Amino acid sequence: MARIEQIDRSKSVTITGHKTVQHTDQFLVDLAKHMQLPQLLNCDVPVGLPKVTDAELGASLLDRLSESRWRALFEADLQCICEDSDGNPLLTTWMPIDVFSRFASSLDDTMVRIELEATISDWEALGVETVYIDAYQRP
């Protein structure tokens, strides 16, 4: 997995709510049945609007995520699985929304905390289960 030091702190960070849905495509249904892998049908899809931070706020969030309490959780799944429309690689990680909510509640900056908590509340109303965090990979 990647490390937090590989993130470009001079660029924005995008936080997106997702929920798990089941594929219904017959080919995938048949494949999952044949392989005896029902979890193959699970797919996370974005829900609601993403939260895009500027570089300064993104760096502040990354600083907090770098602390020992959050670092292992943040880095556990941190990997390059996508890129932006210009081909720039993104490092992505994800966590359950309740864990991200606890992280947001731990922030010292009251305005940021209130803003994130409002976003989380909106996402929860839409059935969001997982929060994805995308940040640009350093060159």
N, C-alpha and C. Protein backbone atom coordinates (compact mmCIF):
# COMPACT_ATOMS: atom_id res chain seq x y z
N MET A 1 0.83 -1.18 0.00
CA MET A 1 0.00 0.00 0.00
C MET A 1 0.88 1.25 0.00
N ALA A 2 0.27 2.33 -0.38
CA ALA A 2 0.99 3.61 -0.43
C ALA A 2 1.07 4.21 0.98
N ARG A 3 1.87 5.25 1.08
CA ARG A 3 2.04 5.96 2.35
C ARG A 3 1.58 7.40 2.19
N ILE A 4 1.19 8.01 3.28
CA ILE A 4 0.66 9.36 3.24
C ILE A 4 1.68 10.36 2.69
N GLU A 5 2.97 10.06 2.84
CA GLU A 5 4.02 10.95 2.32
C GLU A 5 4.03 11.01 0.80
N GLN A 6 3.37 10.07 0.14
CA GLN A 6 3.32 10.04 -1.32
C GLN A 6 2.23 10.95 -1.89
N ILE A 7 1.48 11.61 -1.02
CA ILE A 7 0.41 12.50 -1.46
C ILE A 7 0.96 13.90 -1.70
N ASP A 8 0.54 14.50 -2.80
CA ASP A 8 0.92 15.87 -3.14
C ASP A 8 0.05 16.84 -2.35
N ARG A 9 0.65 17.49 -1.36
CA ARG A 9 -0.09 18.39 -0.48
C ARG A 9 -0.37 19.76 -1.11
N SER A 10 0.12 19.97 -2.32
CA SER A 10 -0.13 21.26 -2.99
C SER A 10 -1.39 21.20 -3.85
N LYS A 11 -2.11 20.08 -3.80
CA LYS A 11 -3.31 19.92 -4.63
C LYS A 11 -4.52 19.56 -3.76
N SER A 12 -5.68 19.65 -4.36
CA SER A 12 -6.94 19.40 -3.65
C SER A 12 -7.08 17.94 -3.22
N VAL A 13 -7.99 17.73 -2.29
CA VAL A 13 -8.38 16.40 -1.83
C VAL A 13 -9.90 16.29 -2.05
N THR A 14 -10.35 15.15 -2.56
CA THR A 14 -11.77 14.94 -2.80
C THR A 14 -12.29 13.84 -1.88
N ILE A 15 -13.39 14.12 -1.21
CA ILE A 15 -14.01 13.17 -0.29
C ILE A 15 -15.41 12.87 -0.84
N THR A 16 -15.70 11.59 -1.03
CA THR A 16 -16.96 11.20 -1.68
C THR A 16 -17.66 10.10 -0.89
N GLY A 17 -18.96 10.24 -0.74
CA GLY A 17 -19.76 9.21 -0.09
C GLY A 17 -20.17 8.14 -1.10
N HIS A 18 -20.14 6.88 -0.68
CA HIS A 18 -20.52 5.75 -1.55
C HIS A 18 -21.45 4.81 -0.80
N LYS A 19 -22.25 4.08 -1.55
CA LYS A 19 -23.02 2.99 -0.97
C LYS A 19 -22.84 1.76 -1.86
N THR A 20 -23.03 0.60 -1.26
CA THR A 20 -22.87 -0.65 -1.98
C THR A 20 -24.19 -1.06 -2.61
N VAL A 21 -24.12 -1.38 -3.90
CA VAL A 21 -25.29 -1.88 -4.63
C VAL A 21 -24.91 -3.23 -5.24
N GLN A 22 -25.91 -3.97 -5.64
CA GLN A 22 -25.70 -5.28 -6.26
C GLN A 22 -25.80 -5.16 -7.78
N HIS A 23 -24.80 -5.69 -8.47
CA HIS A 23 -24.89 -5.78 -9.93
C HIS A 23 -26.04 -6.70 -10.29
N THR A 24 -26.74 -6.35 -11.36
CA THR A 24 -27.83 -7.21 -11.83
C THR A 24 -27.57 -7.71 -13.25
N ASP A 25 -26.44 -7.30 -13.82
CA ASP A 25 -26.08 -7.76 -15.16
C ASP A 25 -26.01 -9.29 -15.15
N GLN A 26 -26.73 -9.92 -16.06
CA GLN A 26 -26.84 -11.38 -16.04
C GLN A 26 -25.49 -12.07 -16.19
N PHE A 27 -24.59 -11.51 -17.00
CA PHE A 27 -23.27 -12.10 -17.15
C PHE A 27 -22.54 -12.15 -15.81
N LEU A 28 -22.57 -11.03 -15.06
CA LEU A 28 -21.91 -11.00 -13.75
C LEU A 28 -22.61 -11.90 -12.74
N VAL A 29 -23.93 -11.95 -12.80
CA VAL A 29 -24.68 -12.83 -11.90
C VAL A 29 -24.27 -14.29 -12.15
N ASP A 30 -24.21 -14.68 -13.41
CA ASP A 30 -23.81 -16.05 -13.76
C ASP A 30 -22.37 -16.33 -13.35
N LEU A 31 -21.49 -15.36 -13.59
CA LEU A 31 -20.08 -15.52 -13.23
C LEU A 31 -19.92 -15.69 -11.73
N ALA A 32 -20.58 -14.84 -10.95
CA ALA A 32 -20.50 -14.92 -9.49
C ALA A 32 -21.01 -16.27 -8.99
N LYS A 33 -22.09 -16.75 -9.61
CA LYS A 33 -22.64 -18.05 -9.22
C LYS A 33 -21.67 -19.17 -9.57
N HIS A 34 -21.12 -19.13 -10.78
CA HIS A 34 -20.18 -20.16 -11.22
C HIS A 34 -18.92 -20.18 -10.35
N MET A 35 -18.44 -19.01 -9.98
CA MET A 35 -17.22 -18.91 -9.17
C MET A 35 -17.51 -19.06 -7.68
N GLN A 36 -18.79 -19.14 -7.32
CA GLN A 36 -19.21 -19.21 -5.93
C GLN A 36 -18.67 -18.03 -5.13
N LEU A 37 -18.77 -16.85 -5.74
CA LEU A 37 -18.32 -15.61 -5.13
C LEU A 37 -19.45 -14.57 -5.17
N PRO A 38 -20.42 -14.68 -4.29
CA PRO A 38 -21.54 -13.74 -4.33
C PRO A 38 -21.10 -12.29 -4.11
N GLN A 39 -19.98 -12.08 -3.39
CA GLN A 39 -19.49 -10.72 -3.16
C GLN A 39 -19.02 -10.05 -4.45
N LEU A 40 -18.82 -10.83 -5.51
CA LEU A 40 -18.43 -10.27 -6.80
C LEU A 40 -19.51 -9.32 -7.33
N LEU A 41 -20.72 -9.48 -6.86
CA LEU A 41 -21.82 -8.63 -7.32
C LEU A 41 -21.88 -7.29 -6.60
N ASN A 42 -21.10 -7.12 -5.53
CA ASN A 42 -21.09 -5.86 -4.80
C ASN A 42 -20.33 -4.79 -5.56
N CYS A 43 -20.89 -3.61 -5.60
CA CYS A 43 -20.24 -2.49 -6.28
C CYS A 43 -20.52 -1.20 -5.50
N ASP A 44 -19.47 -0.47 -5.16
CA ASP A 44 -19.65 0.82 -4.49
C ASP A 44 -19.89 1.90 -5.54
N VAL A 45 -20.94 2.68 -5.34
CA VAL A 45 -21.26 3.77 -6.27
C VAL A 45 -21.32 5.08 -5.50
N PRO A 46 -20.85 6.18 -6.13
CA PRO A 46 -20.91 7.47 -5.45
C PRO A 46 -22.35 7.93 -5.26
N VAL A 47 -22.58 8.60 -4.14
CA VAL A 47 -23.91 9.10 -3.79
C VAL A 47 -23.76 10.57 -3.38
N GLY A 48 -24.64 11.41 -3.87
CA GLY A 48 -24.59 12.81 -3.48
C GLY A 48 -23.39 13.52 -4.08
N LEU A 49 -23.14 14.71 -3.58
CA LEU A 49 -22.05 15.53 -4.10
C LEU A 49 -20.75 15.26 -3.35
N PRO A 50 -19.64 15.21 -4.08
CA PRO A 50 -18.35 15.06 -3.40
C PRO A 50 -17.97 16.35 -2.69
N LYS A 51 -17.12 16.24 -1.70
CA LYS A 51 -16.56 17.39 -0.99
C LYS A 51 -15.14 17.57 -1.51
N VAL A 52 -14.89 18.67 -2.22
CA VAL A 52 -13.57 18.94 -2.77
C VAL A 52 -12.94 20.05 -1.94
N THR A 53 -11.78 19.76 -1.36
CA THR A 53 -11.10 20.76 -0.55
C THR A 53 -10.04 21.48 -1.38
N ASP A 54 -9.68 22.67 -0.96
CA ASP A 54 -8.53 23.31 -1.59
C ASP A 54 -7.27 22.70 -1.00
N ALA A 55 -6.12 23.07 -1.54
CA ALA A 55 -4.85 22.47 -1.11
C ALA A 55 -4.58 22.71 0.37
N GLU A 56 -4.89 23.91 0.86
CA GLU A 56 -4.61 24.24 2.26
C GLU A 56 -5.43 23.38 3.21
N LEU A 57 -6.72 23.28 2.95
CA LEU A 57 -7.57 22.45 3.80
C LEU A 57 -7.20 20.98 3.65
N GLY A 58 -6.92 20.56 2.41
CA GLY A 58 -6.51 19.18 2.18
C GLY A 58 -5.27 18.82 2.98
N ALA A 59 -4.28 19.73 2.99
CA ALA A 59 -3.05 19.50 3.75
C ALA A 59 -3.35 19.41 5.24
N SER A 60 -4.27 20.25 5.71
CA SER A 60 -4.65 20.22 7.12
C SER A 60 -5.30 18.88 7.49
N LEU A 61 -6.18 18.39 6.64
CA LEU A 61 -6.81 17.08 6.89
C LEU A 61 -5.77 15.97 6.86
N LEU A 62 -4.83 16.05 5.91
CA LEU A 62 -3.78 15.03 5.82
C LEU A 62 -2.88 15.07 7.04
N ASP A 63 -2.62 16.27 7.57
CA ASP A 63 -1.83 16.37 8.80
C ASP A 63 -2.52 15.61 9.93
N ARG A 64 -3.83 15.80 10.05
CA ARG A 64 -4.57 15.11 11.11
C ARG A 64 -4.58 13.60 10.88
N LEU A 65 -4.74 13.20 9.62
CA LEU A 65 -4.73 11.77 9.29
C LEU A 65 -3.36 11.15 9.50
N SER A 66 -2.31 11.98 9.52
CA SER A 66 -0.95 11.48 9.74
C SER A 66 -0.70 11.11 11.20
N GLU A 67 -1.54 11.60 12.09
CA GLU A 67 -1.35 11.30 13.51
C GLU A 67 -1.56 9.81 13.75
N SER A 68 -0.86 9.29 14.73
CA SER A 68 -0.86 7.84 14.97
C SER A 68 -2.25 7.24 15.12
N ARG A 69 -3.16 7.99 15.68
CA ARG A 69 -4.52 7.46 15.90
C ARG A 69 -5.21 7.12 14.58
N TRP A 70 -4.95 7.88 13.52
CA TRP A 70 -5.65 7.72 12.25
C TRP A 70 -4.80 7.15 11.13
N ARG A 71 -3.49 7.25 11.24
CA ARG A 71 -2.60 6.91 10.13
C ARG A 71 -2.76 5.48 9.62
N ALA A 72 -2.73 4.51 10.51
CA ALA A 72 -2.81 3.10 10.08
C ALA A 72 -4.12 2.84 9.34
N LEU A 73 -5.20 3.41 9.83
CA LEU A 73 -6.50 3.24 9.17
C LEU A 73 -6.49 3.89 7.79
N PHE A 74 -5.93 5.10 7.70
CA PHE A 74 -5.89 5.82 6.43
C PHE A 74 -5.02 5.10 5.42
N GLU A 75 -3.88 4.59 5.85
CA GLU A 75 -2.94 3.95 4.92
C GLU A 75 -3.29 2.49 4.62
N ALA A 76 -4.19 1.89 5.37
CA ALA A 76 -4.49 0.46 5.20
C ALA A 76 -4.89 0.12 3.77
N ASP A 77 -5.66 0.97 3.12
CA ASP A 77 -6.11 0.72 1.75
C ASP A 77 -5.62 1.76 0.76
N LEU A 78 -4.73 2.65 1.17
CA LEU A 78 -4.27 3.74 0.30
C LEU A 78 -3.51 3.17 -0.89
N GLN A 79 -4.04 3.42 -2.09
CA GLN A 79 -3.43 2.87 -3.30
C GLN A 79 -3.87 3.67 -4.52
N CYS A 80 -3.12 3.51 -5.59
CA CYS A 80 -3.44 4.18 -6.84
C CYS A 80 -4.34 3.26 -7.66
N ILE A 81 -5.63 3.59 -7.70
CA ILE A 81 -6.59 2.77 -8.45
C ILE A 81 -7.29 3.57 -9.54
N CYS A 82 -6.97 4.86 -9.63
CA CYS A 82 -7.61 5.68 -10.67
C CYS A 82 -6.76 6.92 -10.94
N GLU A 83 -7.18 7.66 -11.93
CA GLU A 83 -6.51 8.92 -12.27
C GLU A 83 -7.57 9.93 -12.67
N ASP A 84 -7.18 11.21 -12.69
CA ASP A 84 -8.14 12.23 -13.10
C ASP A 84 -8.26 12.25 -14.62
N SER A 85 -9.09 13.12 -15.14
CA SER A 85 -9.35 13.15 -16.59
C SER A 85 -8.14 13.57 -17.40
N ASP A 86 -7.13 14.14 -16.75
CA ASP A 86 -5.89 14.51 -17.44
C ASP A 86 -4.80 13.45 -17.31
N GLY A 87 -5.12 12.33 -16.67
CA GLY A 87 -4.17 11.24 -16.53
C GLY A 87 -3.26 11.34 -15.32
N ASN A 88 -3.56 12.26 -14.39
CA ASN A 88 -2.75 12.40 -13.17
C ASN A 88 -3.20 11.34 -12.15
N PRO A 89 -2.25 10.56 -11.61
CA PRO A 89 -2.62 9.48 -10.69
C PRO A 89 -3.13 10.00 -9.35
N LEU A 90 -4.15 9.33 -8.86
CA LEU A 90 -4.74 9.64 -7.56
C LEU A 90 -4.49 8.48 -6.60
N LEU A 91 -4.22 8.81 -5.36
CA LEU A 91 -4.15 7.81 -4.31
C LEU A 91 -5.51 7.82 -3.61
N THR A 92 -6.08 6.64 -3.46
CA THR A 92 -7.43 6.50 -2.91
C THR A 92 -7.41 5.59 -1.69
N THR A 93 -8.20 5.96 -0.70
CA THR A 93 -8.45 5.09 0.44
C THR A 93 -9.93 5.22 0.80
N TRP A 94 -10.40 4.37 1.67
CA TRP A 94 -11.81 4.42 2.06
C TRP A 94 -11.95 3.92 3.48
N MET A 95 -13.06 4.31 4.08
CA MET A 95 -13.37 3.88 5.45
C MET A 95 -14.88 3.96 5.66
N PRO A 96 -15.40 3.18 6.61
CA PRO A 96 -16.83 3.27 6.90
C PRO A 96 -17.20 4.70 7.32
N ILE A 97 -18.42 5.10 7.01
CA ILE A 97 -18.84 6.47 7.30
C ILE A 97 -18.80 6.77 8.80
N ASP A 98 -19.07 5.78 9.65
CA ASP A 98 -19.03 6.04 11.09
C ASP A 98 -17.61 6.33 11.57
N VAL A 99 -16.62 5.70 10.96
CA VAL A 99 -15.22 5.97 11.30
C VAL A 99 -14.84 7.36 10.80
N PHE A 100 -15.24 7.70 9.57
CA PHE A 100 -14.95 9.03 9.05
C PHE A 100 -15.64 10.10 9.89
N SER A 101 -16.82 9.81 10.38
CA SER A 101 -17.54 10.74 11.25
C SER A 101 -16.77 10.99 12.54
N ARG A 102 -16.20 9.93 13.12
CA ARG A 102 -15.38 10.09 14.33
C ARG A 102 -14.14 10.92 14.02
N PHE A 103 -13.54 10.68 12.84
CA PHE A 103 -12.39 11.49 12.43
C PHE A 103 -12.79 12.96 12.34
N ALA A 104 -13.90 13.25 11.65
CA ALA A 104 -14.35 14.64 11.48
C ALA A 104 -14.60 15.29 12.84
N SER A 105 -15.18 14.54 13.77
CA SER A 105 -15.46 15.07 15.10
C SER A 105 -14.20 15.38 15.89
N SER A 106 -13.09 14.79 15.49
CA SER A 106 -11.83 15.00 16.21
C SER A 106 -11.06 16.23 15.71
N LEU A 107 -11.54 16.86 14.66
CA LEU A 107 -10.82 18.00 14.09
C LEU A 107 -10.86 19.20 15.02
N ASP A 108 -9.73 19.91 15.10
CA ASP A 108 -9.63 21.09 15.96
C ASP A 108 -10.31 22.31 15.35
N ASP A 109 -10.28 22.42 14.03
CA ASP A 109 -10.86 23.57 13.34
C ASP A 109 -12.38 23.44 13.35
N THR A 110 -13.04 24.27 14.15
CA THR A 110 -14.48 24.18 14.34
C THR A 110 -15.25 24.34 13.04
N MET A 111 -14.87 25.30 12.20
CA MET A 111 -15.59 25.54 10.95
C MET A 111 -15.51 24.32 10.03
N VAL A 112 -14.32 23.74 9.91
CA VAL A 112 -14.14 22.56 9.06
C VAL A 112 -14.93 21.39 9.63
N ARG A 113 -14.86 21.22 10.94
CA ARG A 113 -15.58 20.13 11.60
C ARG A 113 -17.09 20.25 11.33
N ILE A 114 -17.64 21.44 11.51
CA ILE A 114 -19.07 21.66 11.29
C ILE A 114 -19.44 21.39 9.84
N GLU A 115 -18.61 21.85 8.91
CA GLU A 115 -18.87 21.64 7.48
C GLU A 115 -18.85 20.15 7.13
N LEU A 116 -17.84 19.43 7.62
CA LEU A 116 -17.77 17.99 7.34
C LEU A 116 -18.92 17.24 8.00
N GLU A 117 -19.27 17.62 9.21
CA GLU A 117 -20.38 16.95 9.89
C GLU A 117 -21.70 17.17 9.15
N ALA A 118 -21.89 18.34 8.55
CA ALA A 118 -23.09 18.60 7.75
C ALA A 118 -23.10 17.72 6.50
N THR A 119 -21.93 17.60 5.86
CA THR A 119 -21.82 16.74 4.67
C THR A 119 -22.10 15.29 5.04
N ILE A 120 -21.54 14.84 6.15
CA ILE A 120 -21.76 13.46 6.61
C ILE A 120 -23.25 13.23 6.88
N SER A 121 -23.90 14.19 7.51
CA SER A 121 -25.33 14.07 7.79
C SER A 121 -26.14 13.93 6.50
N ASP A 122 -25.80 14.74 5.50
CA ASP A 122 -26.46 14.64 4.19
C ASP A 122 -26.23 13.26 3.58
N TRP A 123 -24.98 12.79 3.63
CA TRP A 123 -24.66 11.48 3.06
C TRP A 123 -25.42 10.36 3.78
N GLU A 124 -25.46 10.43 5.10
CA GLU A 124 -26.17 9.39 5.86
C GLU A 124 -27.64 9.32 5.45
N ALA A 125 -28.25 10.49 5.20
CA ALA A 125 -29.64 10.52 4.76
C ALA A 125 -29.82 9.87 3.40
N LEU A 126 -28.74 9.83 2.60
CA LEU A 126 -28.78 9.21 1.27
C LEU A 126 -28.35 7.74 1.29
N GLY A 127 -28.04 7.22 2.47
CA GLY A 127 -27.66 5.82 2.58
C GLY A 127 -26.18 5.53 2.38
N VAL A 128 -25.34 6.55 2.47
CA VAL A 128 -23.90 6.34 2.31
C VAL A 128 -23.38 5.42 3.41
N GLU A 129 -22.53 4.47 3.00
CA GLU A 129 -21.95 3.50 3.93
C GLU A 129 -20.44 3.68 4.06
N THR A 130 -19.81 4.15 2.99
CA THR A 130 -18.36 4.23 2.93
C THR A 130 -17.94 5.59 2.39
N VAL A 131 -16.85 6.13 2.93
CA VAL A 131 -16.31 7.40 2.47
C VAL A 131 -14.98 7.13 1.77
N TYR A 132 -14.87 7.63 0.55
CA TYR A 132 -13.64 7.51 -0.23
C TYR A 132 -12.89 8.84 -0.18
N ILE A 133 -11.58 8.76 -0.05
CA ILE A 133 -10.74 9.96 -0.05
C ILE A 133 -9.74 9.81 -1.18
N ASP A 134 -9.75 10.77 -2.10
CA ASP A 134 -8.84 10.78 -3.25
C ASP A 134 -7.92 11.98 -3.14
N ALA A 135 -6.63 11.74 -3.30
CA ALA A 135 -5.63 12.81 -3.28
C ALA A 135 -4.61 12.54 -4.37
N TYR A 136 -4.04 13.61 -4.90
CA TYR A 136 -3.07 13.45 -5.98
C TYR A 136 -1.77 12.84 -5.48
N GLN A 137 -1.24 11.93 -6.28
CA GLN A 137 0.03 11.30 -5.97
C GLN A 137 1.16 12.24 -6.37
N ARG A 138 2.16 12.34 -5.51
CA ARG A 138 3.32 13.17 -5.84
C ARG A 138 4.03 12.59 -7.05
N PRO A 139 4.56 13.50 -7.91
CA PRO A 139 5.30 12.99 -9.09
C PRO A 139 6.56 12.26 -8.69
